[in-house]
Amino acid sequence: MKRRTTDRWSPEGAPTRRQLVGSALIVALATLNLWVIGSVLWLWVGVGFVSFAAATGPIAASSVGFRVGAWFRAIGYAGRAIVIVAFAAAVWISVYVLDVPAGPLVSFGNGGLLGVSAIVFLEAARERLESV
């Protein structure tokens, strides 16, 4: 049987139960965050959802995505921690310096969480259907 592009989205195979539970908790947290902020900007939720889902799905399966993933794994745990902390600091400083309004940022971030969770659930469903 010919291998589909979506087969490459998760190089580790089907998500584990722990990953599925984690994704369910992320969905609950993102939903709660969107409910609490009151003024949800649905356009930004949609942009975040599509951006993060594409980045963790088809873009990660591309040749560029494979190279970035290989580099990220090659730098080790300490290197990954440094990259993540540096990125978070750059975003935080940019938000503070540029005075970005919280509404679009929170909506985009929560949409992104929902997008990544959607990819995890779709991968689990695809694996489940193929194993039947």
C-alpha atoms as a PDB file:
ATOM      1  CA  MET A   1       0.000   0.000   0.000  1.00  0.00           C
ATOM      2  CA  LYS A   2       1.327   3.436  -0.927  1.00  0.00           C
ATOM      3  CA  ARG A   3       2.440   5.530   2.058  1.00  0.00           C
ATOM      4  CA  ARG A   4       0.351   8.688   2.497  1.00  0.00           C
ATOM      5  CA  THR A   5       1.803  12.089   3.374  1.00  0.00           C
ATOM      6  CA  THR A   6      -0.039  12.089   6.707  1.00  0.00           C
ATOM      7  CA  ASP A   7       1.873   8.959   7.719  1.00  0.00           C
ATOM      8  CA  ARG A   8       4.976  11.147   8.087  1.00  0.00           C
ATOM      9  CA  TRP A   9       3.291  13.715  10.359  1.00  0.00           C
ATOM     10  CA  SER A  10       4.079  11.644  13.412  1.00  0.00           C
ATOM     11  CA  PRO A  11       7.459   9.941  13.068  1.00  0.00           C
ATOM     12  CA  GLU A  12       6.987   8.237  16.435  1.00  0.00           C
ATOM     13  CA  GLY A  13       3.763   6.549  15.323  1.00  0.00           C
ATOM     14  CA  ALA A  14       0.384   6.775  16.991  1.00  0.00           C
ATOM     15  CA  PRO A  15       0.058   9.098  19.997  1.00  0.00           C
ATOM     16  CA  THR A  16       0.268   7.348  23.356  1.00  0.00           C
ATOM     17  CA  ARG A  17      -2.514   7.460  25.931  1.00  0.00           C
ATOM     18  CA  ARG A  18      -0.446   9.982  27.896  1.00  0.00           C
ATOM     19  CA  GLN A  19      -0.229  12.248  24.846  1.00  0.00           C
ATOM     20  CA  LEU A  20      -3.968  11.926  24.233  1.00  0.00           C
ATOM     21  CA  VAL A  21      -4.758  12.776  27.868  1.00  0.00           C
ATOM     22  CA  GLY A  22      -2.335  15.696  27.699  1.00  0.00           C
ATOM     23  CA  SER A  23      -3.997  16.952  24.530  1.00  0.00           C
ATOM     24  CA  ALA A  24      -7.439  16.636  26.125  1.00  0.00           C
ATOM     25  CA  LEU A  25      -6.210  18.682  29.096  1.00  0.00           C
ATOM     26  CA  ILE A  26      -4.751  21.283  26.720  1.00  0.00           C
ATOM     27  CA  VAL A  27      -8.112  21.538  24.934  1.00  0.00           C
ATOM     28  CA  ALA A  28      -9.847  22.023  28.296  1.00  0.00           C
ATOM     29  CA  LEU A  29      -7.304  24.673  29.337  1.00  0.00           C
ATOM     30  CA  ALA A  30      -7.539  26.554  26.023  1.00  0.00           C
ATOM     31  CA  THR A  31     -11.340  26.449  26.131  1.00  0.00           C
ATOM     32  CA  LEU A  32     -11.333  27.734  29.708  1.00  0.00           C
ATOM     33  CA  ASN A  33      -8.895  30.516  28.772  1.00  0.00           C
ATOM     34  CA  LEU A  34     -11.086  31.588  25.860  1.00  0.00           C
ATOM     35  CA  TRP A  35     -14.168  31.537  28.079  1.00  0.00           C
ATOM     36  CA  VAL A  36     -12.494  33.549  30.854  1.00  0.00           C
ATOM     37  CA  ILE A  37     -11.107  36.339  28.665  1.00  0.00           C
ATOM     38  CA  GLY A  38     -14.633  37.172  27.581  1.00  0.00           C
ATOM     39  CA  SER A  39     -13.738  38.934  24.338  1.00  0.00           C
ATOM     40  CA  VAL A  40     -12.643  36.122  22.071  1.00  0.00           C
ATOM     41  CA  LEU A  41     -11.314  37.249  18.725  1.00  0.00           C
ATOM     42  CA  TRP A  42     -12.372  34.315  16.558  1.00  0.00           C
ATOM     43  CA  LEU A  43     -10.313  35.427  13.579  1.00  0.00           C
ATOM     44  CA  TRP A  44      -7.155  35.164  15.711  1.00  0.00           C
ATOM     45  CA  VAL A  45      -8.268  31.820  17.148  1.00  0.00           C
ATOM     46  CA  GLY A  46      -8.664  30.564  13.574  1.00  0.00           C
ATOM     47  CA  VAL A  47      -5.306  31.967  12.453  1.00  0.00           C
ATOM     48  CA  GLY A  48      -3.579  30.359  15.453  1.00  0.00           C
ATOM     49  CA  PHE A  49      -5.366  27.044  14.882  1.00  0.00           C
ATOM     50  CA  VAL A  50      -4.441  26.853  11.189  1.00  0.00           C
ATOM     51  CA  SER A  51      -0.870  28.101  11.746  1.00  0.00           C
ATOM     52  CA  PHE A  52      -0.011  25.633  14.500  1.00  0.00           C
ATOM     53  CA  ALA A  53      -1.845  22.708  12.887  1.00  0.00           C
ATOM     54  CA  ALA A  54       0.008  23.305   9.623  1.00  0.00           C
ATOM     55  CA  ALA A  55       3.341  23.688  11.433  1.00  0.00           C
ATOM     56  CA  THR A  56       2.941  20.427  13.375  1.00  0.00           C
ATOM     57  CA  GLY A  57       1.403  18.515  10.482  1.00  0.00           C
ATOM     58  CA  PRO A  58       2.232  19.056   6.819  1.00  0.00           C
ATOM     59  CA  ILE A  59       5.023  21.614   7.312  1.00  0.00           C
ATOM     60  CA  ALA A  60       6.790  19.351   9.815  1.00  0.00           C
ATOM     61  CA  ALA A  61       6.540  16.537   7.237  1.00  0.00           C
ATOM     62  CA  SER A  62       8.233  18.638   4.548  1.00  0.00           C
ATOM     63  CA  SER A  63      11.950  18.487   3.782  1.00  0.00           C
ATOM     64  CA  VAL A  64      12.494  21.785   5.611  1.00  0.00           C
ATOM     65  CA  GLY A  65      10.543  20.476   8.578  1.00  0.00           C
ATOM     66  CA  PHE A  66      12.667  17.320   8.679  1.00  0.00           C
ATOM     67  CA  ARG A  67      15.873  19.379   8.643  1.00  0.00           C
ATOM     68  CA  VAL A  68      14.660  21.699  11.405  1.00  0.00           C
ATOM     69  CA  GLY A  69      13.526  18.691  13.458  1.00  0.00           C
ATOM     70  CA  ALA A  70      16.871  16.955  12.977  1.00  0.00           C
ATOM     71  CA  TRP A  71      18.730  20.107  14.035  1.00  0.00           C
ATOM     72  CA  PHE A  72      16.495  20.531  17.078  1.00  0.00           C
ATOM     73  CA  ARG A  73      17.099  16.930  18.173  1.00  0.00           C
ATOM     74  CA  ALA A  74      20.847  17.249  17.489  1.00  0.00           C
ATOM     75  CA  ILE A  75      21.331  20.205  19.862  1.00  0.00           C
ATOM     76  CA  GLY A  76      20.361  18.046  22.854  1.00  0.00           C
ATOM     77  CA  TYR A  77      18.182  18.816  25.865  1.00  0.00           C
ATOM     78  CA  ALA A  78      20.218  21.793  27.059  1.00  0.00           C
ATOM     79  CA  GLY A  79      20.242  23.335  23.583  1.00  0.00           C
ATOM     80  CA  ARG A  80      16.494  22.824  23.226  1.00  0.00           C
ATOM     81  CA  ALA A  81      15.890  24.465  26.598  1.00  0.00           C
ATOM     82  CA  ILE A  82      18.035  27.443  25.580  1.00  0.00           C
ATOM     83  CA  VAL A  83      16.198  27.822  22.246  1.00  0.00           C
ATOM     84  CA  ILE A  84      12.776  27.599  23.922  1.00  0.00           C
ATOM     85  CA  VAL A  85      13.682  30.070  26.686  1.00  0.00           C
ATOM     86  CA  ALA A  86      15.255  32.467  24.158  1.00  0.00           C
ATOM     87  CA  PHE A  87      12.161  32.305  21.951  1.00  0.00           C
ATOM     88  CA  ALA A  88       9.819  32.874  24.913  1.00  0.00           C
ATOM     89  CA  ALA A  89      11.953  35.805  26.083  1.00  0.00           C
ATOM     90  CA  ALA A  90      11.977  37.330  22.592  1.00  0.00           C
ATOM     91  CA  VAL A  91       8.185  37.065  22.369  1.00  0.00           C
ATOM     92  CA  TRP A  92       7.721  38.491  25.870  1.00  0.00           C
ATOM     93  CA  ILE A  93      10.091  41.421  25.224  1.00  0.00           C
ATOM     94  CA  SER A  94       8.478  42.096  21.836  1.00  0.00           C
ATOM     95  CA  VAL A  95       5.000  42.151  23.366  1.00  0.00           C
ATOM     96  CA  TYR A  96       6.175  44.540  26.083  1.00  0.00           C
ATOM     97  CA  VAL A  97       8.156  46.843  23.762  1.00  0.00           C
ATOM     98  CA  LEU A  98       5.611  46.888  20.928  1.00  0.00           C
ATOM     99  CA  ASP A  99       2.654  47.106  23.333  1.00  0.00           C
ATOM    100  CA  VAL A 100       0.737  44.307  21.607  1.00  0.00           C
ATOM    101  CA  PRO A 101      -2.896  44.091  22.780  1.00  0.00           C
ATOM    102  CA  ALA A 102      -3.632  40.980  24.832  1.00  0.00           C
ATOM    103  CA  GLY A 103      -6.854  39.954  23.019  1.00  0.00           C
ATOM    104  CA  PRO A 104      -5.334  38.915  19.680  1.00  0.00           C
ATOM    105  CA  LEU A 105      -2.291  37.364  21.362  1.00  0.00           C
ATOM    106  CA  VAL A 106      -4.323  35.226  23.788  1.00  0.00           C
ATOM    107  CA  SER A 107      -6.765  34.210  21.054  1.00  0.00           C
ATOM    108  CA  PHE A 108      -3.911  33.275  18.693  1.00  0.00           C
ATOM    109  CA  GLY A 109      -2.098  31.276  21.384  1.00  0.00           C
ATOM    110  CA  ASN A 110      -5.182  29.350  22.436  1.00  0.00           C
ATOM    111  CA  GLY A 111      -6.071  28.680  18.807  1.00  0.00           C
ATOM    112  CA  GLY A 112      -2.562  27.288  18.403  1.00  0.00           C
ATOM    113  CA  LEU A 113      -3.018  24.967  21.372  1.00  0.00           C
ATOM    114  CA  LEU A 114      -6.267  23.723  19.861  1.00  0.00           C
ATOM    115  CA  GLY A 115      -4.571  23.236  16.461  1.00  0.00           C
ATOM    116  CA  VAL A 116      -1.768  21.080  17.878  1.00  0.00           C
ATOM    117  CA  SER A 117      -4.289  19.037  19.854  1.00  0.00           C
ATOM    118  CA  ALA A 118      -6.357  18.538  16.703  1.00  0.00           C
ATOM    119  CA  ILE A 119      -3.336  17.067  14.913  1.00  0.00           C
ATOM    120  CA  VAL A 120      -2.715  14.692  17.848  1.00  0.00           C
ATOM    121  CA  PHE A 121      -6.347  13.525  17.812  1.00  0.00           C
ATOM    122  CA  LEU A 122      -6.413  13.191  14.001  1.00  0.00           C
ATOM    123  CA  GLU A 123      -3.220  11.125  14.078  1.00  0.00           C
ATOM    124  CA  ALA A 124      -4.700   8.866  16.763  1.00  0.00           C
ATOM    125  CA  ALA A 125      -7.904   8.439  14.751  1.00  0.00           C
ATOM    126  CA  ARG A 126      -5.968   7.681  11.559  1.00  0.00           C
ATOM    127  CA  GLU A 127      -3.831   5.066  13.311  1.00  0.00           C
ATOM    128  CA  ARG A 128      -6.907   3.541  14.906  1.00  0.00           C
ATOM    129  CA  LEU A 129      -8.762   3.314  11.570  1.00  0.00           C
ATOM    130  CA  GLU A 130      -5.768   1.773   9.826  1.00  0.00           C
ATOM    131  CA  SER A 131      -5.321  -0.874  12.512  1.00  0.00           C
ATOM    132  CA  VAL A 132      -8.897  -2.145  12.078  1.00  0.00           C
END
